[in-house]
Structures are given as C-alpha cells and as structure tokens.
mmCIF file of all heavy atoms, coordinates in Angstrom:
data_MODEL
# 
_entry.id   MODEL 
# 
loop_
_atom_site.group_PDB 
_atom_site.id 
_atom_site.type_symbol 
_atom_site.label_atom_id 
_atom_site.label_alt_id 
_atom_site.label_comp_id 
_atom_site.label_asym_id 
_atom_site.label_entity_id 
_atom_site.label_seq_id 
_atom_site.pdbx_PDB_ins_code 
_atom_site.Cartn_x 
_atom_site.Cartn_y 
_atom_site.Cartn_z 
_atom_site.occupancy 
_atom_site.B_iso_or_equiv 
_atom_site.pdbx_formal_charge 
_atom_site.auth_seq_id 
_atom_site.auth_comp_id 
_atom_site.auth_asym_id 
_atom_site.auth_atom_id 
_atom_site.pdbx_PDB_model_num 
ATOM 1   N N   . ILE A 1 1  ? 159.260 -27.049 239.353 1.00 0.00 ? 1  ILE A N   1 
ATOM 2   C CA  . ILE A 1 1  ? 158.148 -26.244 239.605 1.00 0.00 ? 1  ILE A CA  1 
ATOM 3   C C   . ILE A 1 1  ? 157.418 -26.672 240.825 1.00 0.00 ? 1  ILE A C   1 
ATOM 4   O O   . ILE A 1 1  ? 157.017 -27.843 241.015 1.00 0.00 ? 1  ILE A O   1 
ATOM 5   C CB  . ILE A 1 1  ? 157.233 -26.249 238.311 1.00 0.00 ? 1  ILE A CB  1 
ATOM 6   C CG1 . ILE A 1 1  ? 157.747 -25.571 237.215 1.00 0.00 ? 1  ILE A CG1 1 
ATOM 7   C CG2 . ILE A 1 1  ? 155.850 -25.541 238.764 1.00 0.00 ? 1  ILE A CG2 1 
ATOM 8   C CD1 . ILE A 1 1  ? 158.721 -26.417 236.417 1.00 0.00 ? 1  ILE A CD1 1 
ATOM 9   N N   . VAL A 1 2  ? 157.113 -25.697 241.795 1.00 0.00 ? 2  VAL A N   1 
ATOM 10  C CA  . VAL A 1 2  ? 156.465 -26.036 242.993 1.00 0.00 ? 2  VAL A CA  1 
ATOM 11  C C   . VAL A 1 2  ? 155.058 -25.455 243.018 1.00 0.00 ? 2  VAL A C   1 
ATOM 12  O O   . VAL A 1 2  ? 154.883 -24.198 242.960 1.00 0.00 ? 2  VAL A O   1 
ATOM 13  C CB  . VAL A 1 2  ? 157.192 -25.485 244.247 1.00 0.00 ? 2  VAL A CB  1 
ATOM 14  C CG1 . VAL A 1 2  ? 156.427 -25.748 245.633 1.00 0.00 ? 2  VAL A CG1 1 
ATOM 15  C CG2 . VAL A 1 2  ? 158.603 -26.095 244.296 1.00 0.00 ? 2  VAL A CG2 1 
ATOM 16  N N   . TYR A 1 3  ? 154.123 -26.385 243.239 1.00 0.00 ? 3  TYR A N   1 
ATOM 17  C CA  . TYR A 1 3  ? 152.650 -25.978 243.386 1.00 0.00 ? 3  TYR A CA  1 
ATOM 18  C C   . TYR A 1 3  ? 152.392 -26.016 244.853 1.00 0.00 ? 3  TYR A C   1 
ATOM 19  O O   . TYR A 1 3  ? 152.823 -26.928 245.610 1.00 0.00 ? 3  TYR A O   1 
ATOM 20  C CB  . TYR A 1 3  ? 151.736 -26.987 242.744 1.00 0.00 ? 3  TYR A CB  1 
ATOM 21  C CG  . TYR A 1 3  ? 151.532 -26.854 241.247 1.00 0.00 ? 3  TYR A CG  1 
ATOM 22  C CD1 . TYR A 1 3  ? 152.374 -27.508 240.385 1.00 0.00 ? 3  TYR A CD1 1 
ATOM 23  C CD2 . TYR A 1 3  ? 150.534 -26.118 240.656 1.00 0.00 ? 3  TYR A CD2 1 
ATOM 24  C CE1 . TYR A 1 3  ? 152.162 -27.466 239.045 1.00 0.00 ? 3  TYR A CE1 1 
ATOM 25  C CE2 . TYR A 1 3  ? 150.359 -25.966 239.264 1.00 0.00 ? 3  TYR A CE2 1 
ATOM 26  C CZ  . TYR A 1 3  ? 151.165 -26.803 238.541 1.00 0.00 ? 3  TYR A CZ  1 
ATOM 27  O OH  . TYR A 1 3  ? 151.105 -26.676 237.068 1.00 0.00 ? 3  TYR A OH  1 
ATOM 28  N N   . THR A 1 4  ? 151.781 -24.972 245.478 1.00 0.00 ? 4  THR A N   1 
ATOM 29  C CA  . THR A 1 4  ? 151.410 -24.898 246.807 1.00 0.00 ? 4  THR A CA  1 
ATOM 30  C C   . THR A 1 4  ? 149.946 -24.560 246.978 1.00 0.00 ? 4  THR A C   1 
ATOM 31  O O   . THR A 1 4  ? 149.300 -23.908 246.186 1.00 0.00 ? 4  THR A O   1 
ATOM 32  C CB  . THR A 1 4  ? 152.171 -23.734 247.544 1.00 0.00 ? 4  THR A CB  1 
ATOM 33  O OG1 . THR A 1 4  ? 152.097 -22.477 246.751 1.00 0.00 ? 4  THR A OG1 1 
ATOM 34  C CG2 . THR A 1 4  ? 153.663 -24.220 247.663 1.00 0.00 ? 4  THR A CG2 1 
ATOM 35  N N   . ALA A 1 5  ? 149.386 -25.119 248.119 1.00 0.00 ? 5  ALA A N   1 
ATOM 36  C CA  . ALA A 1 5  ? 148.128 -24.783 248.574 1.00 0.00 ? 5  ALA A CA  1 
ATOM 37  C C   . ALA A 1 5  ? 147.997 -25.110 250.058 1.00 0.00 ? 5  ALA A C   1 
ATOM 38  O O   . ALA A 1 5  ? 148.463 -26.197 250.371 1.00 0.00 ? 5  ALA A O   1 
ATOM 39  C CB  . ALA A 1 5  ? 147.020 -25.570 247.951 1.00 0.00 ? 5  ALA A CB  1 
ATOM 40  N N   . HIS A 1 6  ? 147.490 -24.134 250.809 1.00 0.00 ? 6  HIS A N   1 
ATOM 41  C CA  . HIS A 1 6  ? 147.548 -24.374 252.316 1.00 0.00 ? 6  HIS A CA  1 
ATOM 42  C C   . HIS A 1 6  ? 146.379 -25.285 252.783 1.00 0.00 ? 6  HIS A C   1 
ATOM 43  O O   . HIS A 1 6  ? 145.311 -24.903 252.208 1.00 0.00 ? 6  HIS A O   1 
ATOM 44  C CB  . HIS A 1 6  ? 147.654 -23.082 253.062 1.00 0.00 ? 6  HIS A CB  1 
ATOM 45  C CG  . HIS A 1 6  ? 146.431 -22.352 253.189 1.00 0.00 ? 6  HIS A CG  1 
ATOM 46  N ND1 . HIS A 1 6  ? 145.491 -22.412 254.075 1.00 0.00 ? 6  HIS A ND1 1 
ATOM 47  C CD2 . HIS A 1 6  ? 146.011 -21.254 252.401 1.00 0.00 ? 6  HIS A CD2 1 
ATOM 48  C CE1 . HIS A 1 6  ? 144.493 -21.562 253.894 1.00 0.00 ? 6  HIS A CE1 1 
ATOM 49  N NE2 . HIS A 1 6  ? 144.795 -20.752 252.867 1.00 0.00 ? 6  HIS A NE2 1 
ATOM 50  N N   . TRP A 1 7  ? 146.602 -26.165 253.676 1.00 0.00 ? 7  TRP A N   1 
ATOM 51  C CA  . TRP A 1 7  ? 145.511 -27.124 254.106 1.00 0.00 ? 7  TRP A CA  1 
ATOM 52  C C   . TRP A 1 7  ? 144.872 -26.660 255.418 1.00 0.00 ? 7  TRP A C   1 
ATOM 53  O O   . TRP A 1 7  ? 143.856 -27.012 255.656 1.00 0.00 ? 7  TRP A O   1 
ATOM 54  C CB  . TRP A 1 7  ? 146.084 -28.462 254.280 1.00 0.00 ? 7  TRP A CB  1 
ATOM 55  C CG  . TRP A 1 7  ? 147.171 -28.699 255.313 1.00 0.00 ? 7  TRP A CG  1 
ATOM 56  C CD1 . TRP A 1 7  ? 148.479 -28.906 255.035 1.00 0.00 ? 7  TRP A CD1 1 
ATOM 57  C CD2 . TRP A 1 7  ? 147.001 -28.578 256.830 1.00 0.00 ? 7  TRP A CD2 1 
ATOM 58  N NE1 . TRP A 1 7  ? 149.247 -29.006 256.112 1.00 0.00 ? 7  TRP A NE1 1 
ATOM 59  C CE2 . TRP A 1 7  ? 148.317 -28.957 257.214 1.00 0.00 ? 7  TRP A CE2 1 
ATOM 60  C CE3 . TRP A 1 7  ? 145.986 -28.430 257.605 1.00 0.00 ? 7  TRP A CE3 1 
ATOM 61  C CZ2 . TRP A 1 7  ? 148.597 -28.903 258.620 1.00 0.00 ? 7  TRP A CZ2 1 
ATOM 62  C CZ3 . TRP A 1 7  ? 146.320 -28.476 259.026 1.00 0.00 ? 7  TRP A CZ3 1 
ATOM 63  C CH2 . TRP A 1 7  ? 147.590 -28.760 259.500 1.00 0.00 ? 7  TRP A CH2 1 
ATOM 64  N N   . ASP A 1 8  ? 145.445 -25.624 256.115 1.00 0.00 ? 8  ASP A N   1 
ATOM 65  C CA  . ASP A 1 8  ? 145.041 -25.281 257.427 1.00 0.00 ? 8  ASP A CA  1 
ATOM 66  C C   . ASP A 1 8  ? 143.946 -24.224 257.388 1.00 0.00 ? 8  ASP A C   1 
ATOM 67  O O   . ASP A 1 8  ? 143.766 -23.450 256.425 1.00 0.00 ? 8  ASP A O   1 
ATOM 68  C CB  . ASP A 1 8  ? 146.107 -24.580 258.174 1.00 0.00 ? 8  ASP A CB  1 
ATOM 69  C CG  . ASP A 1 8  ? 146.639 -23.360 257.717 1.00 0.00 ? 8  ASP A CG  1 
ATOM 70  O OD1 . ASP A 1 8  ? 147.124 -23.305 256.568 1.00 0.00 ? 8  ASP A OD1 1 
ATOM 71  O OD2 . ASP A 1 8  ? 146.522 -22.272 258.356 1.00 0.00 ? 8  ASP A OD2 1 
ATOM 72  N N   . HIS A 1 9  ? 143.127 -24.277 258.475 1.00 0.00 ? 9  HIS A N   1 
ATOM 73  C CA  . HIS A 1 9  ? 142.158 -23.157 258.685 1.00 0.00 ? 9  HIS A CA  1 
ATOM 74  C C   . HIS A 1 9  ? 142.188 -22.867 260.223 1.00 0.00 ? 9  HIS A C   1 
ATOM 75  O O   . HIS A 1 9  ? 143.116 -23.102 260.830 1.00 0.00 ? 9  HIS A O   1 
ATOM 76  C CB  . HIS A 1 9  ? 140.904 -23.526 258.183 1.00 0.00 ? 9  HIS A CB  1 
ATOM 77  C CG  . HIS A 1 9  ? 140.028 -22.318 257.809 1.00 0.00 ? 9  HIS A CG  1 
ATOM 78  N ND1 . HIS A 1 9  ? 140.456 -21.127 256.976 1.00 0.00 ? 9  HIS A ND1 1 
ATOM 79  C CD2 . HIS A 1 9  ? 138.847 -21.836 258.223 1.00 0.00 ? 9  HIS A CD2 1 
ATOM 80  C CE1 . HIS A 1 9  ? 139.536 -20.329 256.957 1.00 0.00 ? 9  HIS A CE1 1 
ATOM 81  N NE2 . HIS A 1 9  ? 138.470 -20.697 257.693 1.00 0.00 ? 9  HIS A NE2 1 
ATOM 82  N N   . PHE A 1 10 ? 140.989 -22.437 260.731 1.00 0.00 ? 10 PHE A N   1 
ATOM 83  C CA  . PHE A 1 10 ? 141.013 -21.889 262.127 1.00 0.00 ? 10 PHE A CA  1 
ATOM 84  C C   . PHE A 1 10 ? 140.415 -22.807 263.271 1.00 0.00 ? 10 PHE A C   1 
ATOM 85  O O   . PHE A 1 10 ? 140.274 -22.373 264.372 1.00 0.00 ? 10 PHE A O   1 
ATOM 86  C CB  . PHE A 1 10 ? 140.349 -20.612 262.138 1.00 0.00 ? 10 PHE A CB  1 
ATOM 87  C CG  . PHE A 1 10 ? 141.119 -19.383 261.472 1.00 0.00 ? 10 PHE A CG  1 
ATOM 88  C CD1 . PHE A 1 10 ? 140.618 -18.895 260.274 1.00 0.00 ? 10 PHE A CD1 1 
ATOM 89  C CD2 . PHE A 1 10 ? 142.234 -19.014 262.032 1.00 0.00 ? 10 PHE A CD2 1 
ATOM 90  C CE1 . PHE A 1 10 ? 141.358 -17.895 259.659 1.00 0.00 ? 10 PHE A CE1 1 
ATOM 91  C CE2 . PHE A 1 10 ? 142.900 -17.919 261.437 1.00 0.00 ? 10 PHE A CE2 1 
ATOM 92  C CZ  . PHE A 1 10 ? 142.402 -17.485 260.182 1.00 0.00 ? 10 PHE A CZ  1 
ATOM 93  N N   . GLY A 1 11 ? 140.127 -24.036 262.815 1.00 0.00 ? 11 GLY A N   1 
ATOM 94  C CA  . GLY A 1 11 ? 139.745 -24.987 263.951 1.00 0.00 ? 11 GLY A CA  1 
ATOM 95  C C   . GLY A 1 11 ? 138.314 -24.745 264.454 1.00 0.00 ? 11 GLY A C   1 
ATOM 96  O O   . GLY A 1 11 ? 137.415 -24.406 263.649 1.00 0.00 ? 11 GLY A O   1 
ATOM 97  N N   . ILE A 1 12 ? 138.259 -24.871 265.702 1.00 0.00 ? 12 ILE A N   1 
ATOM 98  C CA  . ILE A 1 12 ? 136.964 -24.682 266.374 1.00 0.00 ? 12 ILE A CA  1 
ATOM 99  C C   . ILE A 1 12 ? 137.098 -23.644 267.503 1.00 0.00 ? 12 ILE A C   1 
ATOM 100 O O   . ILE A 1 12 ? 137.991 -23.445 268.139 1.00 0.00 ? 12 ILE A O   1 
ATOM 101 C CB  . ILE A 1 12 ? 136.602 -26.095 267.232 1.00 0.00 ? 12 ILE A CB  1 
ATOM 102 C CG1 . ILE A 1 12 ? 136.618 -27.258 266.171 1.00 0.00 ? 12 ILE A CG1 1 
ATOM 103 C CG2 . ILE A 1 12 ? 135.304 -25.957 267.803 1.00 0.00 ? 12 ILE A CG2 1 
ATOM 104 C CD1 . ILE A 1 12 ? 136.440 -28.550 266.817 1.00 0.00 ? 12 ILE A CD1 1 
ATOM 105 N N   . ASP A 1 13 ? 135.936 -22.906 267.565 1.00 0.00 ? 13 ASP A N   1 
ATOM 106 C CA  . ASP A 1 13 ? 135.815 -21.862 268.688 1.00 0.00 ? 13 ASP A CA  1 
ATOM 107 C C   . ASP A 1 13 ? 134.626 -22.233 269.534 1.00 0.00 ? 13 ASP A C   1 
ATOM 108 O O   . ASP A 1 13 ? 133.503 -21.980 269.090 1.00 0.00 ? 13 ASP A O   1 
ATOM 109 C CB  . ASP A 1 13 ? 135.734 -20.471 268.104 1.00 0.00 ? 13 ASP A CB  1 
ATOM 110 C CG  . ASP A 1 13 ? 135.623 -19.326 269.118 1.00 0.00 ? 13 ASP A CG  1 
ATOM 111 O OD1 . ASP A 1 13 ? 135.595 -19.780 270.394 1.00 0.00 ? 13 ASP A OD1 1 
ATOM 112 O OD2 . ASP A 1 13 ? 135.615 -18.178 268.872 1.00 0.00 ? 13 ASP A OD2 1 
ATOM 113 N N   . GLU A 1 14 ? 134.776 -22.971 270.620 1.00 0.00 ? 14 GLU A N   1 
ATOM 114 C CA  . GLU A 1 14 ? 133.757 -23.321 271.384 1.00 0.00 ? 14 GLU A CA  1 
ATOM 115 C C   . GLU A 1 14 ? 133.012 -22.420 272.200 1.00 0.00 ? 14 GLU A C   1 
ATOM 116 O O   . GLU A 1 14 ? 131.925 -22.674 272.840 1.00 0.00 ? 14 GLU A O   1 
ATOM 117 C CB  . GLU A 1 14 ? 134.277 -24.600 272.393 1.00 0.00 ? 14 GLU A CB  1 
ATOM 118 C CG  . GLU A 1 14 ? 134.743 -25.832 271.591 1.00 0.00 ? 14 GLU A CG  1 
ATOM 119 C CD  . GLU A 1 14 ? 135.345 -26.831 272.558 1.00 0.00 ? 14 GLU A CD  1 
ATOM 120 O OE1 . GLU A 1 14 ? 135.616 -26.577 273.735 1.00 0.00 ? 14 GLU A OE1 1 
ATOM 121 O OE2 . GLU A 1 14 ? 135.470 -28.016 272.095 1.00 0.00 ? 14 GLU A OE2 1 
ATOM 122 N N   . SER A 1 15 ? 133.504 -21.094 272.185 1.00 0.00 ? 15 SER A N   1 
ATOM 123 C CA  . SER A 1 15 ? 132.723 -20.027 272.782 1.00 0.00 ? 15 SER A CA  1 
ATOM 124 C C   . SER A 1 15 ? 131.765 -19.496 271.980 1.00 0.00 ? 15 SER A C   1 
ATOM 125 O O   . SER A 1 15 ? 130.807 -18.809 272.555 1.00 0.00 ? 15 SER A O   1 
ATOM 126 C CB  . SER A 1 15 ? 133.726 -18.864 273.125 1.00 0.00 ? 15 SER A CB  1 
ATOM 127 O OG  . SER A 1 15 ? 134.263 -18.270 271.961 1.00 0.00 ? 15 SER A OG  1 
ATOM 128 N N   . LEU A 1 16 ? 131.534 -19.992 270.737 1.00 0.00 ? 16 LEU A N   1 
ATOM 129 C CA  . LEU A 1 16 ? 130.503 -19.456 269.890 1.00 0.00 ? 16 LEU A CA  1 
ATOM 130 C C   . LEU A 1 16 ? 129.125 -20.208 270.131 1.00 0.00 ? 16 LEU A C   1 
ATOM 131 O O   . LEU A 1 16 ? 129.255 -21.322 270.517 1.00 0.00 ? 16 LEU A O   1 
ATOM 132 C CB  . LEU A 1 16 ? 130.898 -19.684 268.350 1.00 0.00 ? 16 LEU A CB  1 
ATOM 133 C CG  . LEU A 1 16 ? 132.102 -19.044 267.873 1.00 0.00 ? 16 LEU A CG  1 
ATOM 134 C CD1 . LEU A 1 16 ? 132.417 -19.391 266.436 1.00 0.00 ? 16 LEU A CD1 1 
ATOM 135 C CD2 . LEU A 1 16 ? 131.829 -17.412 267.940 1.00 0.00 ? 16 LEU A CD2 1 
ATOM 136 N N   . PRO A 1 17 ? 128.134 -19.449 270.014 1.00 0.00 ? 17 PRO A N   1 
ATOM 137 C CA  . PRO A 1 17 ? 126.806 -20.068 270.370 1.00 0.00 ? 17 PRO A CA  1 
ATOM 138 C C   . PRO A 1 17 ? 126.414 -21.092 269.370 1.00 0.00 ? 17 PRO A C   1 
ATOM 139 O O   . PRO A 1 17 ? 126.887 -21.141 268.182 1.00 0.00 ? 17 PRO A O   1 
ATOM 140 C CB  . PRO A 1 17 ? 125.875 -18.912 270.321 1.00 0.00 ? 17 PRO A CB  1 
ATOM 141 C CG  . PRO A 1 17 ? 126.500 -18.032 269.369 1.00 0.00 ? 17 PRO A CG  1 
ATOM 142 C CD  . PRO A 1 17 ? 127.983 -18.091 269.580 1.00 0.00 ? 17 PRO A CD  1 
ATOM 143 N N   . GLY A 1 18 ? 125.270 -21.956 269.616 1.00 0.00 ? 18 GLY A N   1 
ATOM 144 C CA  . GLY A 1 18 ? 124.865 -22.956 268.726 1.00 0.00 ? 18 GLY A CA  1 
ATOM 145 C C   . GLY A 1 18 ? 125.506 -24.285 268.787 1.00 0.00 ? 18 GLY A C   1 
ATOM 146 O O   . GLY A 1 18 ? 126.431 -24.525 269.574 1.00 0.00 ? 18 GLY A O   1 
ATOM 147 N N   . PRO A 1 19 ? 125.083 -25.205 267.900 1.00 0.00 ? 19 PRO A N   1 
ATOM 148 C CA  . PRO A 1 19 ? 125.615 -26.555 267.805 1.00 0.00 ? 19 PRO A CA  1 
ATOM 149 C C   . PRO A 1 19 ? 127.047 -26.582 267.420 1.00 0.00 ? 19 PRO A C   1 
ATOM 150 O O   . PRO A 1 19 ? 127.482 -25.529 266.771 1.00 0.00 ? 19 PRO A O   1 
ATOM 151 C CB  . PRO A 1 19 ? 124.727 -27.229 266.899 1.00 0.00 ? 19 PRO A CB  1 
ATOM 152 C CG  . PRO A 1 19 ? 124.092 -26.219 265.989 1.00 0.00 ? 19 PRO A CG  1 
ATOM 153 C CD  . PRO A 1 19 ? 123.951 -25.035 266.914 1.00 0.00 ? 19 PRO A CD  1 
ATOM 154 N N   . ARG A 1 20 ? 127.717 -27.630 267.560 1.00 0.00 ? 20 ARG A N   1 
ATOM 155 C CA  . ARG A 1 20 ? 129.182 -27.689 267.192 1.00 0.00 ? 20 ARG A CA  1 
ATOM 156 C C   . ARG A 1 20 ? 129.475 -27.420 265.721 1.00 0.00 ? 20 ARG A C   1 
ATOM 157 O O   . ARG A 1 20 ? 130.470 -26.746 265.490 1.00 0.00 ? 20 ARG A O   1 
ATOM 158 C CB  . ARG A 1 20 ? 129.658 -29.182 267.493 1.00 0.00 ? 20 ARG A CB  1 
ATOM 159 C CG  . ARG A 1 20 ? 131.213 -29.255 267.423 1.00 0.00 ? 20 ARG A CG  1 
ATOM 160 C CD  . ARG A 1 20 ? 131.621 -30.617 268.011 1.00 0.00 ? 20 ARG A CD  1 
ATOM 161 N NE  . ARG A 1 20 ? 133.083 -30.870 267.933 1.00 0.00 ? 20 ARG A NE  1 
ATOM 162 C CZ  . ARG A 1 20 ? 133.960 -30.256 268.797 1.00 0.00 ? 20 ARG A CZ  1 
ATOM 163 N NH1 . ARG A 1 20 ? 133.545 -29.430 269.769 1.00 0.00 ? 20 ARG A NH1 1 
ATOM 164 N NH2 . ARG A 1 20 ? 135.159 -30.457 268.717 1.00 0.00 ? 20 ARG A NH2 1 
ATOM 165 N N   . THR A 1 21 ? 128.627 -27.779 264.797 1.00 0.00 ? 21 THR A N   1 
ATOM 166 C CA  . THR A 1 21 ? 128.894 -27.455 263.442 1.00 0.00 ? 21 THR A CA  1 
ATOM 167 C C   . THR A 1 21 ? 129.053 -25.925 263.188 1.00 0.00 ? 21 THR A C   1 
ATOM 168 O O   . THR A 1 21 ? 129.674 -25.450 262.286 1.00 0.00 ? 21 THR A O   1 
ATOM 169 C CB  . THR A 1 21 ? 127.856 -28.025 262.553 1.00 0.00 ? 21 THR A CB  1 
ATOM 170 O OG1 . THR A 1 21 ? 128.189 -27.876 261.094 1.00 0.00 ? 21 THR A OG1 1 
ATOM 171 C CG2 . THR A 1 21 ? 126.509 -27.382 262.735 1.00 0.00 ? 21 THR A CG2 1 
ATOM 172 N N   . GLN A 1 22 ? 128.325 -25.107 264.095 1.00 0.00 ? 22 GLN A N   1 
ATOM 173 C CA  . GLN A 1 22 ? 128.351 -23.704 263.904 1.00 0.00 ? 22 GLN A CA  1 
ATOM 174 C C   . GLN A 1 22 ? 129.565 -23.097 264.755 1.00 0.00 ? 22 GLN A C   1 
ATOM 175 O O   . GLN A 1 22 ? 129.645 -21.828 264.859 1.00 0.00 ? 22 GLN A O   1 
ATOM 176 C CB  . GLN A 1 22 ? 127.080 -23.105 264.352 1.00 0.00 ? 22 GLN A CB  1 
ATOM 177 C CG  . GLN A 1 22 ? 125.902 -23.476 263.437 1.00 0.00 ? 22 GLN A CG  1 
ATOM 178 C CD  . GLN A 1 22 ? 124.551 -22.915 263.960 1.00 0.00 ? 22 GLN A CD  1 
ATOM 179 O OE1 . GLN A 1 22 ? 124.567 -22.049 264.851 1.00 0.00 ? 22 GLN A OE1 1 
ATOM 180 N NE2 . GLN A 1 22 ? 123.452 -23.471 263.466 1.00 0.00 ? 22 GLN A NE2 1 
ATOM 181 N N   . GLN A 1 23 ? 130.279 -23.885 265.342 1.00 0.00 ? 23 GLN A N   1 
ATOM 182 C CA  . GLN A 1 23 ? 131.605 -23.410 266.034 1.00 0.00 ? 23 GLN A CA  1 
ATOM 183 C C   . GLN A 1 23 ? 132.732 -23.767 265.248 1.00 0.00 ? 23 GLN A C   1 
ATOM 184 O O   . GLN A 1 23 ? 133.918 -23.427 265.619 1.00 0.00 ? 23 GLN A O   1 
ATOM 185 C CB  . GLN A 1 23 ? 131.681 -24.214 267.348 1.00 0.00 ? 23 GLN A CB  1 
ATOM 186 C CG  . GLN A 1 23 ? 130.495 -23.790 268.364 1.00 0.00 ? 23 GLN A CG  1 
ATOM 187 C CD  . GLN A 1 23 ? 130.578 -24.583 269.609 1.00 0.00 ? 23 GLN A CD  1 
ATOM 188 O OE1 . GLN A 1 23 ? 131.031 -25.687 269.639 1.00 0.00 ? 23 GLN A OE1 1 
ATOM 189 N NE2 . GLN A 1 23 ? 130.006 -23.972 270.677 1.00 0.00 ? 23 GLN A NE2 1 
ATOM 190 N N   . ILE A 1 24 ? 132.616 -24.566 264.180 1.00 0.00 ? 24 ILE A N   1 
ATOM 191 C CA  . ILE A 1 24 ? 133.762 -24.998 263.306 1.00 0.00 ? 24 ILE A CA  1 
ATOM 192 C C   . ILE A 1 24 ? 134.059 -24.027 262.128 1.00 0.00 ? 24 ILE A C   1 
ATOM 193 O O   . ILE A 1 24 ? 133.074 -23.737 261.429 1.00 0.00 ? 24 ILE A O   1 
ATOM 194 C CB  . ILE A 1 24 ? 133.459 -26.373 262.769 1.00 0.00 ? 24 ILE A CB  1 
ATOM 195 C CG1 . ILE A 1 24 ? 133.325 -27.413 263.895 1.00 0.00 ? 24 ILE A CG1 1 
ATOM 196 C CG2 . ILE A 1 24 ? 134.617 -26.846 261.761 1.00 0.00 ? 24 ILE A CG2 1 
ATOM 197 C CD1 . ILE A 1 24 ? 132.961 -28.829 263.443 1.00 0.00 ? 24 ILE A CD1 1 
ATOM 198 N N   . PHE A 1 25 ? 135.259 -23.619 262.025 1.00 0.00 ? 25 PHE A N   1 
ATOM 199 C CA  . PHE A 1 25 ? 135.616 -22.752 260.825 1.00 0.00 ? 25 PHE A CA  1 
ATOM 200 C C   . PHE A 1 25 ? 136.005 -23.766 259.684 1.00 0.00 ? 25 PHE A C   1 
ATOM 201 O O   . PHE A 1 25 ? 137.167 -24.202 259.703 1.00 0.00 ? 25 PHE A O   1 
ATOM 202 C CB  . PHE A 1 25 ? 136.807 -21.872 261.241 1.00 0.00 ? 25 PHE A CB  1 
ATOM 203 C CG  . PHE A 1 25 ? 136.533 -20.778 262.144 1.00 0.00 ? 25 PHE A CG  1 
ATOM 204 C CD1 . PHE A 1 25 ? 136.273 -20.991 263.546 1.00 0.00 ? 25 PHE A CD1 1 
ATOM 205 C CD2 . PHE A 1 25 ? 136.340 -19.482 261.663 1.00 0.00 ? 25 PHE A CD2 1 
ATOM 206 C CE1 . PHE A 1 25 ? 135.940 -19.968 264.311 1.00 0.00 ? 25 PHE A CE1 1 
ATOM 207 C CE2 . PHE A 1 25 ? 135.940 -18.476 262.508 1.00 0.00 ? 25 PHE A CE2 1 
ATOM 208 C CZ  . PHE A 1 25 ? 135.767 -18.645 263.884 1.00 0.00 ? 25 PHE A CZ  1 
# 
C-alpha cells in the first residue's frame, strides 16, 4: 500500500513587494 503526499511548493518570487516573508510561497 503506497501513501503519498507531495512536499514541494512554489518557492520564492523576489519580484513581489514587501519583506522576504511576503515573497515566499
């Protein structure tokens, strides 16, 4: 039986305004 869950997301978009925490997905 195989359980799966994806660990990935979209990383960082440094073009977004604001501090770094608001650029992180």
